[in-house]
Structure formats: C-alpha cells, structure tokens
Amino acid sequence: VIDPVRHGMVLAASQGRLTEARTAFEALAGAGFPPGTQRYALPLLRTAAMIEADARGLPAAEADRPELLALIRRYTKNLPMLVPVWAAHGVFIDAELARAEGTDTPGHWARAAEAF
C-alpha cells in the first residue's frame, strides 16, 4: 500500500496537484507505520519531504507546511533505523526537510551522500 501511494504523490506533485499529494500522504501517515514497514515508510517520508522542498516558495504551498514538516519529522524519528540504508534515508530526509525550510547547507547534502 505504501509504494503505490508514494508513486501517486510523485505524479500528483509533478502535475501541480500539491494538495492531492499532501492529502494522500496525510491519509497514509495517519494510519501509522507498523513495525517492519520502515523499508517502505522511509522512502515515503523522503518523498513527502522532497515534494515539500520542491514546492517551497509557491504561495499555495505555504498553508499547513509547518504542520506537515513536523509530521514528517515525527514519523521519521519514530521509525527504527538499525540497517545502514535505513539510517541513510533518515539523513536524506533531514536534508530535504532543511531544504523545505530554506535552511539546508552543503553539509546536509554531504552527509546524505556519505550515508548512502
């Protein structure tokens, strides 16, 4: 269920339907991520953060942005990252969240690249 939603979010965002992408994410995230789903949930959270970062500066994107970024952070924090690739996704999500807030630095991206 997670991957089809993630792909739908990417399509919606690429077609300018940010509200639809956000709604799909919030509906899925609202159900939570059961143990063992982090291999799917982390790429979903990365995609949600990336969509928000790409939409930064668009007037329609500013509504509810802080709450959505906080939701992404909360779910990322609660997922176990015991495997290096999962931890790498966490670092990548942090970089995308910083980009969404306009606070990213080359260091964010260097850490993300190094993690992978």
N, C-alpha and C. Protein backbone atom coordinates (compact mmCIF):
# COMPACT_ATOMS: atom_id res chain seq x y z
N VAL A 1 0.82 -1.20 0.00
CA VAL A 1 0.00 0.00 0.00
C VAL A 1 0.86 1.26 0.00
N ILE A 2 2.02 1.23 0.65
CA ILE A 2 2.84 2.44 0.78
C ILE A 2 3.44 2.86 -0.56
N ASP A 3 4.01 1.93 -1.31
CA ASP A 3 4.65 2.31 -2.58
C ASP A 3 3.67 2.89 -3.59
N PRO A 4 2.47 2.31 -3.78
CA PRO A 4 1.53 2.95 -4.72
C PRO A 4 1.15 4.37 -4.30
N VAL A 5 1.01 4.60 -3.01
CA VAL A 5 0.69 5.95 -2.53
C VAL A 5 1.87 6.89 -2.83
N ARG A 6 3.07 6.40 -2.59
CA ARG A 6 4.27 7.23 -2.86
C ARG A 6 4.34 7.61 -4.33
N HIS A 7 4.10 6.64 -5.21
CA HIS A 7 4.13 6.94 -6.65
C HIS A 7 3.02 7.92 -7.03
N GLY A 8 1.85 7.75 -6.43
CA GLY A 8 0.75 8.68 -6.67
C GLY A 8 1.08 10.09 -6.22
N MET A 9 1.77 10.19 -5.09
CA MET A 9 2.19 11.51 -4.60
C MET A 9 3.14 12.18 -5.59
N VAL A 10 4.09 11.43 -6.11
CA VAL A 10 5.05 11.99 -7.07
C VAL A 10 4.33 12.46 -8.32
N LEU A 11 3.41 11.65 -8.82
CA LEU A 11 2.67 12.04 -10.02
C LEU A 11 1.84 13.29 -9.77
N ALA A 12 1.13 13.31 -8.65
CA ALA A 12 0.29 14.47 -8.33
C ALA A 12 1.14 15.73 -8.22
N ALA A 13 2.24 15.65 -7.50
CA ALA A 13 3.09 16.83 -7.32
C ALA A 13 3.69 17.28 -8.65
N SER A 14 4.10 16.34 -9.48
CA SER A 14 4.71 16.71 -10.76
C SER A 14 3.70 17.35 -11.71
N GLN A 15 2.42 17.11 -11.45
CA GLN A 15 1.36 17.72 -12.27
C GLN A 15 0.77 18.96 -11.61
N GLY A 16 1.42 19.42 -10.54
CA GLY A 16 0.97 20.64 -9.88
C GLY A 16 -0.17 20.45 -8.90
N ARG A 17 -0.46 19.22 -8.55
CA ARG A 17 -1.57 18.94 -7.62
C ARG A 17 -1.01 18.66 -6.23
N LEU A 18 -0.41 19.69 -5.65
CA LEU A 18 0.23 19.56 -4.34
C LEU A 18 -0.75 19.15 -3.26
N THR A 19 -1.93 19.71 -3.27
CA THR A 19 -2.93 19.37 -2.25
C THR A 19 -3.26 17.88 -2.30
N GLU A 20 -3.36 17.33 -3.49
CA GLU A 20 -3.65 15.90 -3.64
C GLU A 20 -2.49 15.06 -3.10
N ALA A 21 -1.27 15.47 -3.39
CA ALA A 21 -0.09 14.75 -2.89
C ALA A 21 -0.06 14.78 -1.37
N ARG A 22 -0.33 15.95 -0.80
CA ARG A 22 -0.35 16.08 0.66
C ARG A 22 -1.45 15.24 1.29
N THR A 23 -2.63 15.27 0.69
CA THR A 23 -3.76 14.51 1.22
C THR A 23 -3.46 13.02 1.22
N ALA A 24 -2.86 12.53 0.15
CA ALA A 24 -2.51 11.11 0.07
C ALA A 24 -1.51 10.75 1.16
N PHE A 25 -0.50 11.60 1.36
CA PHE A 25 0.49 11.35 2.40
C PHE A 25 -0.16 11.35 3.78
N GLU A 26 -0.94 12.38 4.06
CA GLU A 26 -1.55 12.50 5.39
C GLU A 26 -2.49 11.34 5.69
N ALA A 27 -3.23 10.87 4.68
CA ALA A 27 -4.14 9.74 4.89
C ALA A 27 -3.37 8.49 5.25
N LEU A 28 -2.28 8.24 4.55
CA LEU A 28 -1.48 7.04 4.82
C LEU A 28 -0.74 7.18 6.15
N ALA A 29 -0.14 8.33 6.39
CA ALA A 29 0.61 8.55 7.62
C ALA A 29 -0.31 8.52 8.83
N GLY A 30 -1.54 8.96 8.65
CA GLY A 30 -2.50 8.96 9.76
C GLY A 30 -2.76 7.57 10.30
N ALA A 31 -2.60 6.57 9.46
CA ALA A 31 -2.79 5.18 9.90
C ALA A 31 -1.56 4.66 10.63
N GLY A 32 -0.45 5.39 10.56
CA GLY A 32 0.78 4.96 11.22
C GLY A 32 1.54 3.96 10.38
N PHE A 33 2.74 3.66 10.84
CA PHE A 33 3.60 2.72 10.14
C PHE A 33 3.94 1.59 11.11
N PRO A 34 3.31 0.43 10.93
CA PRO A 34 3.55 -0.70 11.84
C PRO A 34 5.01 -1.16 11.80
N PRO A 35 5.45 -1.85 12.84
CA PRO A 35 6.81 -2.39 12.85
C PRO A 35 7.08 -3.22 11.59
N GLY A 36 8.26 -3.06 11.06
CA GLY A 36 8.65 -3.81 9.88
C GLY A 36 8.36 -3.11 8.57
N THR A 37 7.69 -1.96 8.62
CA THR A 37 7.37 -1.26 7.37
C THR A 37 8.35 -0.13 7.06
N GLN A 38 9.39 0.02 7.86
CA GLN A 38 10.30 1.14 7.65
C GLN A 38 10.98 1.10 6.28
N ARG A 39 11.16 -0.07 5.71
CA ARG A 39 11.80 -0.14 4.39
C ARG A 39 10.94 0.54 3.32
N TYR A 40 9.64 0.64 3.57
CA TYR A 40 8.73 1.34 2.67
C TYR A 40 8.41 2.74 3.18
N ALA A 41 8.29 2.88 4.49
CA ALA A 41 7.90 4.16 5.08
C ALA A 41 8.99 5.22 4.92
N LEU A 42 10.24 4.84 5.06
CA LEU A 42 11.32 5.84 4.94
C LEU A 42 11.39 6.46 3.55
N PRO A 43 11.31 5.68 2.46
CA PRO A 43 11.25 6.32 1.14
C PRO A 43 10.00 7.19 0.97
N LEU A 44 8.89 6.79 1.57
CA LEU A 44 7.67 7.61 1.52
C LEU A 44 7.90 8.95 2.21
N LEU A 45 8.49 8.92 3.39
CA LEU A 45 8.77 10.15 4.13
C LEU A 45 9.78 11.02 3.37
N ARG A 46 10.76 10.40 2.75
CA ARG A 46 11.74 11.14 1.94
C ARG A 46 11.03 11.82 0.77
N THR A 47 10.12 11.10 0.13
CA THR A 47 9.36 11.66 -0.99
C THR A 47 8.49 12.82 -0.53
N ALA A 48 7.83 12.68 0.61
CA ALA A 48 6.99 13.76 1.12
C ALA A 48 7.83 15.00 1.41
N ALA A 49 9.00 14.81 2.00
CA ALA A 49 9.89 15.94 2.29
C ALA A 49 10.39 16.57 0.99
N MET A 50 10.70 15.74 0.01
CA MET A 50 11.19 16.24 -1.28
C MET A 50 10.12 17.06 -1.99
N ILE A 51 8.89 16.59 -1.94
CA ILE A 51 7.78 17.32 -2.57
C ILE A 51 7.62 18.68 -1.91
N GLU A 52 7.70 18.70 -0.58
CA GLU A 52 7.58 19.97 0.14
C GLU A 52 8.74 20.90 -0.20
N ALA A 53 9.92 20.36 -0.32
CA ALA A 53 11.08 21.18 -0.66
C ALA A 53 10.96 21.75 -2.07
N ASP A 54 10.49 20.92 -2.99
CA ASP A 54 10.33 21.38 -4.38
C ASP A 54 9.26 22.47 -4.49
N ALA A 55 8.27 22.43 -3.60
CA ALA A 55 7.16 23.40 -3.65
C ALA A 55 7.44 24.66 -2.83
N ARG A 56 8.56 24.71 -2.16
CA ARG A 56 8.88 25.86 -1.32
C ARG A 56 8.85 27.14 -2.14
N GLY A 57 8.21 28.14 -1.59
CA GLY A 57 8.11 29.43 -2.27
C GLY A 57 6.84 29.61 -3.07
N LEU A 58 6.13 28.53 -3.34
CA LEU A 58 4.85 28.66 -4.04
C LEU A 58 3.79 29.12 -3.04
N PRO A 59 3.04 30.16 -3.36
CA PRO A 59 2.06 30.66 -2.39
C PRO A 59 1.09 29.59 -1.90
N ALA A 60 0.63 28.73 -2.79
CA ALA A 60 -0.32 27.69 -2.39
C ALA A 60 0.31 26.64 -1.49
N ALA A 61 1.62 26.56 -1.48
CA ALA A 61 2.31 25.53 -0.71
C ALA A 61 2.53 25.92 0.74
N GLU A 62 2.39 27.18 1.06
CA GLU A 62 2.72 27.64 2.41
C GLU A 62 1.71 27.22 3.47
N ALA A 63 0.46 27.07 3.07
CA ALA A 63 -0.57 26.67 4.03
C ALA A 63 -0.27 25.28 4.58
N ASP A 64 -0.29 25.16 5.87
CA ASP A 64 -0.10 23.88 6.57
C ASP A 64 1.31 23.30 6.45
N ARG A 65 2.23 23.99 5.83
CA ARG A 65 3.59 23.46 5.66
C ARG A 65 4.27 23.12 6.99
N PRO A 66 4.25 24.03 7.98
CA PRO A 66 4.94 23.70 9.24
C PRO A 66 4.40 22.43 9.90
N GLU A 67 3.09 22.26 9.86
CA GLU A 67 2.49 21.07 10.46
C GLU A 67 2.89 19.82 9.70
N LEU A 68 2.92 19.90 8.39
CA LEU A 68 3.28 18.74 7.58
C LEU A 68 4.75 18.37 7.78
N LEU A 69 5.62 19.36 7.84
CA LEU A 69 7.04 19.06 8.08
C LEU A 69 7.23 18.46 9.46
N ALA A 70 6.47 18.94 10.44
CA ALA A 70 6.55 18.37 11.79
C ALA A 70 6.07 16.92 11.79
N LEU A 71 5.04 16.63 11.01
CA LEU A 71 4.53 15.26 10.90
C LEU A 71 5.60 14.35 10.29
N ILE A 72 6.24 14.80 9.24
CA ILE A 72 7.31 14.01 8.61
C ILE A 72 8.43 13.75 9.62
N ARG A 73 8.82 14.79 10.34
CA ARG A 73 9.87 14.63 11.36
C ARG A 73 9.47 13.62 12.44
N ARG A 74 8.24 13.73 12.91
CA ARG A 74 7.78 12.84 13.98
C ARG A 74 7.80 11.38 13.53
N TYR A 75 7.29 11.11 12.36
CA TYR A 75 7.28 9.73 11.88
C TYR A 75 8.69 9.22 11.61
N THR A 76 9.55 10.07 11.08
CA THR A 76 10.93 9.66 10.83
C THR A 76 11.62 9.31 12.14
N LYS A 77 11.42 10.13 13.14
CA LYS A 77 12.05 9.91 14.45
C LYS A 77 11.59 8.60 15.08
N ASN A 78 10.35 8.20 14.83
CA ASN A 78 9.79 7.02 15.48
C ASN A 78 10.10 5.71 14.76
N LEU A 79 10.68 5.78 13.58
CA LEU A 79 10.99 4.54 12.85
C LEU A 79 12.38 4.03 13.23
N PRO A 80 12.51 2.72 13.43
CA PRO A 80 13.83 2.17 13.72
C PRO A 80 14.72 2.23 12.48
N MET A 81 15.96 2.60 12.69
CA MET A 81 16.92 2.70 11.58
C MET A 81 18.16 1.88 11.93
N LEU A 82 17.95 0.59 12.07
CA LEU A 82 19.00 -0.32 12.51
C LEU A 82 19.93 -0.75 11.39
N VAL A 83 19.49 -0.59 10.16
CA VAL A 83 20.27 -1.01 9.00
C VAL A 83 20.85 0.26 8.36
N PRO A 84 22.09 0.22 7.90
CA PRO A 84 22.71 1.44 7.36
C PRO A 84 21.88 2.15 6.28
N VAL A 85 21.24 1.41 5.39
CA VAL A 85 20.47 2.09 4.34
C VAL A 85 19.26 2.81 4.94
N TRP A 86 18.68 2.28 6.00
CA TRP A 86 17.56 2.97 6.65
C TRP A 86 18.05 4.26 7.30
N ALA A 87 19.20 4.18 7.95
CA ALA A 87 19.79 5.38 8.55
C ALA A 87 20.12 6.41 7.47
N ALA A 88 20.57 5.95 6.31
CA ALA A 88 20.87 6.86 5.20
C ALA A 88 19.61 7.59 4.75
N HIS A 89 18.51 6.87 4.70
CA HIS A 89 17.24 7.53 4.36
C HIS A 89 16.92 8.61 5.38
N GLY A 90 17.17 8.33 6.65
CA GLY A 90 16.93 9.33 7.69
C GLY A 90 17.75 10.59 7.48
N VAL A 91 19.01 10.43 7.10
CA VAL A 91 19.88 11.59 6.85
C VAL A 91 19.38 12.35 5.61
N PHE A 92 18.96 11.62 4.60
CA PHE A 92 18.43 12.24 3.38
C PHE A 92 17.15 13.03 3.71
N ILE A 93 16.29 12.44 4.53
CA ILE A 93 15.05 13.13 4.94
C ILE A 93 15.39 14.42 5.67
N ASP A 94 16.38 14.38 6.56
CA ASP A 94 16.79 15.59 7.27
C ASP A 94 17.24 16.68 6.28
N ALA A 95 17.98 16.29 5.26
CA ALA A 95 18.45 17.26 4.26
C ALA A 95 17.27 17.85 3.49
N GLU A 96 16.33 17.01 3.11
CA GLU A 96 15.16 17.50 2.37
C GLU A 96 14.30 18.41 3.25
N LEU A 97 14.16 18.07 4.53
CA LEU A 97 13.39 18.93 5.43
C LEU A 97 14.07 20.29 5.58
N ALA A 98 15.39 20.28 5.68
CA ALA A 98 16.12 21.55 5.76
C ALA A 98 15.91 22.36 4.47
N ARG A 99 15.92 21.68 3.34
CA ARG A 99 15.69 22.37 2.06
C ARG A 99 14.28 22.94 2.01
N ALA A 100 13.31 22.19 2.53
CA ALA A 100 11.92 22.66 2.56
C ALA A 100 11.77 23.91 3.41
N GLU A 101 12.64 24.04 4.41
CA GLU A 101 12.60 25.20 5.30
C GLU A 101 13.55 26.31 4.86
N GLY A 102 14.32 26.04 3.81
CA GLY A 102 15.28 27.03 3.33
C GLY A 102 16.52 27.15 4.19
N THR A 103 16.83 26.10 4.94
CA THR A 103 17.98 26.15 5.85
C THR A 103 19.05 25.11 5.51
N ASP A 104 18.92 24.47 4.35
CA ASP A 104 19.90 23.43 4.01
C ASP A 104 21.25 24.06 3.68
N THR A 105 22.27 23.27 3.92
CA THR A 105 23.64 23.68 3.65
C THR A 105 24.33 22.57 2.86
N PRO A 106 25.48 22.84 2.27
CA PRO A 106 26.22 21.76 1.61
C PRO A 106 26.50 20.59 2.57
N GLY A 107 26.65 20.89 3.85
CA GLY A 107 26.90 19.83 4.82
C GLY A 107 25.76 18.83 4.92
N HIS A 108 24.53 19.31 4.80
CA HIS A 108 23.38 18.39 4.81
C HIS A 108 23.52 17.37 3.68
N TRP A 109 23.84 17.88 2.50
CA TRP A 109 23.91 17.01 1.32
C TRP A 109 25.16 16.13 1.33
N ALA A 110 26.24 16.63 1.88
CA ALA A 110 27.45 15.81 2.01
C ALA A 110 27.19 14.63 2.94
N ARG A 111 26.49 14.88 4.05
CA ARG A 111 26.16 13.80 4.98
C ARG A 111 25.23 12.79 4.32
N ALA A 112 24.26 13.28 3.54
CA ALA A 112 23.33 12.37 2.86
C ALA A 112 24.07 11.50 1.84
N ALA A 113 24.94 12.12 1.05
CA ALA A 113 25.71 11.37 0.05
C ALA A 113 26.62 10.35 0.72
N GLU A 114 27.26 10.76 1.79
CA GLU A 114 28.16 9.85 2.51
C GLU A 114 27.40 8.69 3.13
N ALA A 115 26.21 8.95 3.62
CA ALA A 115 25.41 7.90 4.26
C ALA A 115 25.05 6.79 3.28
N PHE A 116 24.79 7.18 2.04
CA PHE A 116 24.44 6.17 1.04
C PHE A 116 25.69 5.52 0.48
